[in-house]
Protein backbone atom coordinates (compact mmCIF):
# COMPACT_ATOMS: atom_id res chain seq x y z
CA MET A 1 29.32 158.13 89.73
CA GLY A 2 32.05 155.59 88.93
CA ILE A 3 34.98 156.44 86.68
CA VAL A 4 34.55 153.29 84.56
CA SER A 5 31.30 152.70 82.72
CA PRO A 6 29.54 149.40 83.45
CA GLY A 7 30.59 146.79 80.91
CA PHE A 8 33.85 148.50 79.97
CA GLN A 9 36.52 145.84 79.64
CA GLY A 10 39.52 147.83 78.42
CA ARG A 11 41.67 146.61 75.55
CA PRO A 12 41.00 143.06 74.43
CA ARG A 13 43.72 140.68 75.57
CA SER A 14 45.70 138.92 72.89
CA ALA A 15 45.04 135.19 72.54
CA GLU A 16 48.62 134.80 71.35
CA PRO A 17 51.07 133.30 73.87
CA ALA A 18 53.97 135.38 75.13
CA LEU A 19 56.99 134.87 72.89
CA PRO A 20 60.53 136.19 73.23
CA PRO A 21 61.10 139.48 71.35
CA GLY A 22 61.31 139.13 67.57
CA GLN A 23 59.99 135.56 67.50
CA TYR A 24 57.01 134.15 65.58
CA LEU A 25 55.01 131.04 66.41
CA THR A 26 55.31 127.95 64.23
CA GLU A 27 53.39 124.68 64.34
CA ASP A 28 55.91 122.70 62.29
CA PHE A 29 59.50 121.87 63.27
CA PRO A 30 61.93 123.53 60.82
CA VAL A 31 65.14 121.64 60.02
CA LEU A 32 68.30 123.75 60.17
CA SER A 33 71.80 122.29 60.31
CA ALA A 34 75.34 123.59 59.97
CA GLY A 35 76.39 120.60 57.83
CA PRO A 36 75.36 117.17 56.59
CA THR A 37 73.31 114.90 58.84
CA PRO A 38 75.51 112.23 60.43
CA ARG A 39 74.07 108.72 60.76
CA VAL A 40 75.24 107.24 64.05
CA PRO A 41 74.54 103.52 64.70
CA LEU A 42 73.29 102.88 68.23
CA ASP A 43 75.80 100.09 68.80
CA THR A 44 78.69 102.56 68.34
CA TRP A 45 77.05 105.66 69.86
CA GLU A 46 78.50 106.90 73.12
CA PHE A 47 78.35 109.98 75.32
CA VAL A 48 81.51 111.15 77.06
CA VAL A 49 81.99 113.78 79.75
CA THR A 50 85.64 114.85 80.01
CA ASP A 51 86.62 116.84 83.07
CA GLU A 52 89.21 119.62 83.11
CA GLY A 53 91.90 117.14 84.13
CA GLY A 54 91.19 114.81 81.18
CA ALA A 55 89.32 112.08 83.08
CA GLU A 56 86.54 110.56 80.95
CA PHE A 57 83.11 109.30 82.01
CA ARG A 58 81.39 107.22 79.29
CA TRP A 59 77.93 105.88 78.59
CA SER A 60 76.90 103.55 75.78
CA TRP A 61 73.40 103.77 74.29
CA ALA A 62 72.23 100.87 76.47
CA GLU A 63 73.71 102.51 79.56
CA LEU A 64 72.02 105.83 78.73
CA MET A 65 68.68 104.06 78.35
CA GLY A 66 69.23 102.41 81.74
CA LEU A 67 69.51 105.74 83.55
CA PRO A 68 66.50 107.54 85.09
CA GLN A 69 64.45 109.11 82.29
CA GLU A 70 62.59 112.42 82.34
CA THR A 71 59.84 113.71 80.04
CA PRO A 72 60.13 117.52 79.79
CA THR A 73 57.54 119.54 77.90
CA VAL A 74 59.20 122.80 76.89
CA ASP A 75 59.06 125.75 74.50
CA ILE A 76 61.95 126.06 72.04
CA HIS A 77 63.21 129.21 70.31
CA CYS A 78 65.46 129.36 67.24
CA VAL A 79 67.77 132.28 66.53
CA THR A 80 66.22 132.39 63.03
CA ARG A 81 63.11 133.73 64.83
CA TRP A 82 60.72 130.78 65.02
CA SER A 83 59.36 129.48 68.33
CA LYS A 84 57.56 126.20 68.93
CA LEU A 85 55.58 125.80 72.12
CA GLY A 86 54.83 122.76 74.26
CA THR A 87 57.29 120.34 72.65
CA SER A 88 57.46 116.90 74.31
CA TRP A 89 60.74 115.05 74.85
CA GLN A 90 62.26 112.17 76.77
CA GLY A 91 65.85 111.94 77.88
CA VAL A 92 68.38 111.91 80.68
CA SER A 93 68.96 115.02 82.78
CA LEU A 94 72.48 116.44 82.75
CA ASP A 95 72.12 116.50 86.54
CA THR A 96 72.13 112.68 86.40
CA LEU A 97 75.12 112.52 84.05
CA LEU A 98 77.18 115.06 86.00
CA GLU A 99 76.36 113.59 89.41
CA GLY A 100 79.49 112.42 91.15
CA ILE A 101 81.87 114.18 88.75
CA GLY A 102 83.96 116.50 90.91
CA THR A 103 84.97 119.57 88.96
CA ALA A 104 86.08 123.16 89.38
CA ALA A 105 84.98 123.91 85.80
CA ARG A 106 82.61 126.81 85.15
CA TYR A 107 82.04 126.17 81.43
CA ALA A 108 81.25 123.33 79.05
CA LEU A 109 82.09 122.81 75.39
CA VAL A 110 79.57 120.46 73.80
CA HIS A 111 80.77 118.19 70.96
CA SER A 112 78.65 116.53 68.30
CA TYR A 113 79.09 113.75 65.79
CA GLY A 114 79.94 115.64 62.60
CA GLY A 115 82.24 118.12 64.36
CA TYR A 116 79.79 120.77 65.62
CA THR A 117 80.55 122.45 68.96
CA THR A 118 78.83 125.00 71.20
CA ASN A 119 79.74 126.50 74.56
CA LEU A 120 77.63 127.03 77.68
CA PRO A 121 78.15 127.97 81.31
CA LEU A 122 78.13 124.73 83.28
CA ASP A 123 75.39 126.10 85.55
CA ASP A 124 73.05 126.17 82.53
CA LEU A 125 73.36 122.38 82.22
CA ARG A 126 72.37 121.85 85.85
CA GLY A 127 69.30 122.45 87.96
CA GLY A 128 66.85 120.50 85.78
CA ARG A 129 67.41 122.76 82.76
CA ALA A 130 69.19 120.45 80.29
CA TRP A 131 68.86 116.89 78.96
CA VAL A 132 70.38 114.44 76.52
CA ALA A 133 67.13 113.84 74.63
CA HIS A 134 66.50 110.76 72.49
CA THR A 135 62.71 110.85 72.05
CA TYR A 136 60.54 113.57 70.52
CA ASP A 137 56.73 113.61 70.51
CA GLY A 138 56.57 109.99 71.62
CA GLY A 139 58.94 108.50 69.03
CA PRO A 140 62.68 108.12 68.43
CA LEU A 141 64.29 111.48 67.68
CA PRO A 142 64.66 111.71 63.86
CA ALA A 143 68.19 112.14 62.52
CA GLU A 144 67.34 115.50 60.91
CA HIS A 145 66.42 116.82 64.36
CA GLY A 146 69.58 115.47 65.98
CA GLY A 147 68.84 111.79 66.55
CA PRO A 148 69.77 109.44 67.95
CA ALA A 149 70.31 112.03 70.73
CA ARG A 150 70.68 115.77 71.03
CA LEU A 151 71.32 118.19 73.84
CA LEU A 152 68.15 119.99 74.94
CA VAL A 153 68.68 123.37 76.65
CA PRO A 154 65.33 125.07 76.02
CA HIS A 155 65.95 128.29 77.96
CA LEU A 156 68.61 129.31 75.39
CA TYR A 157 68.40 129.76 71.62
CA PHE A 158 68.20 126.37 69.97
CA TRP A 159 71.70 126.39 68.44
CA LYS A 160 72.88 125.70 72.01
CA SER A 161 70.86 122.44 71.95
CA ALA A 162 73.50 120.65 69.91
CA LYS A 163 72.25 117.94 67.55
CA TRP A 164 73.93 114.49 67.40
CA VAL A 165 75.56 115.10 70.77
CA ARG A 166 78.49 112.87 71.65
CA GLY A 167 80.09 114.56 74.64
CA ILE A 168 80.86 117.51 76.84
CA ARG A 169 84.27 118.83 77.83
CA LEU A 170 84.32 120.67 81.16
CA LEU A 171 86.46 123.82 81.07
CA VAL A 172 87.81 126.27 83.62
CA ASP A 173 87.84 129.03 80.96
CA ASP A 174 85.18 129.62 78.31
CA LYS A 175 85.92 128.57 74.74
CA PRO A 176 83.59 129.53 71.85
CA GLY A 177 82.02 126.87 69.67
CA PHE A 178 81.13 126.77 65.96
CA TRP A 179 78.53 129.58 65.72
CA GLU A 180 80.06 131.62 68.54
CA THR A 181 83.34 131.78 66.59
CA ALA A 182 81.30 133.00 63.60
CA GLY A 183 79.83 135.91 65.57
CA TYR A 184 76.86 134.47 67.43
CA HIS A 185 76.37 135.41 71.07
CA ASP A 186 78.30 133.40 73.66
CA TYR A 187 75.20 132.91 75.83
CA GLY A 188 72.08 133.19 73.64
CA ASP A 189 69.16 134.16 75.89
CA PRO A 190 66.08 134.52 73.63
CA TRP A 191 64.27 136.80 76.10
CA ARG A 192 67.18 139.25 75.89
CA GLU A 193 67.58 138.79 72.10
CA GLN A 194 71.18 137.68 72.46
CA ARG A 195 71.56 136.62 68.85
CA TYR A 196 74.97 138.04 67.97
CA GLN A 197 78.08 139.27 69.78
CA GLY A 198 77.30 142.66 71.28
CA ASP A 199 73.54 142.06 71.65
């Protein structure tokens, strides 16, 4: 006689997708910002990578649009506990922007129009894991969500995906950004619940 009765299926499996610990699923796209929304005209917008020696590499809006474009579909997770799955973007990979820039830097400090900053290990901007995104869900990225362009680093909490991005400074030593100085985690892995320093 078998140990399992015919027709026994065990516990029903949840239809809910796997989310990082402490997160809940949302269908909308909450708007959270550390300050007022800057309005950046496309004819004055630029993106600048500054290496550890001070050399600058610049792209205008037209030049950014002329680079190879990618269309990632990714899940995003906010430190305030919402997650949104299957979001669709278009933008330029940081691999493309960093190509040909020789550097010994291990870290990056991201700068935004409006003064916001956030820090990341440089490796987290490489390997097809980060973009300068200008399109969301098939249309221009709205200003309240970081348009005309934001950093998109979906494997980290969303405060690392800086809105209104204007540049990245490459650093040999790590330097905390806006929320990190206020006590948020330096790295911010949602699957490890790295919300605050010490997590």
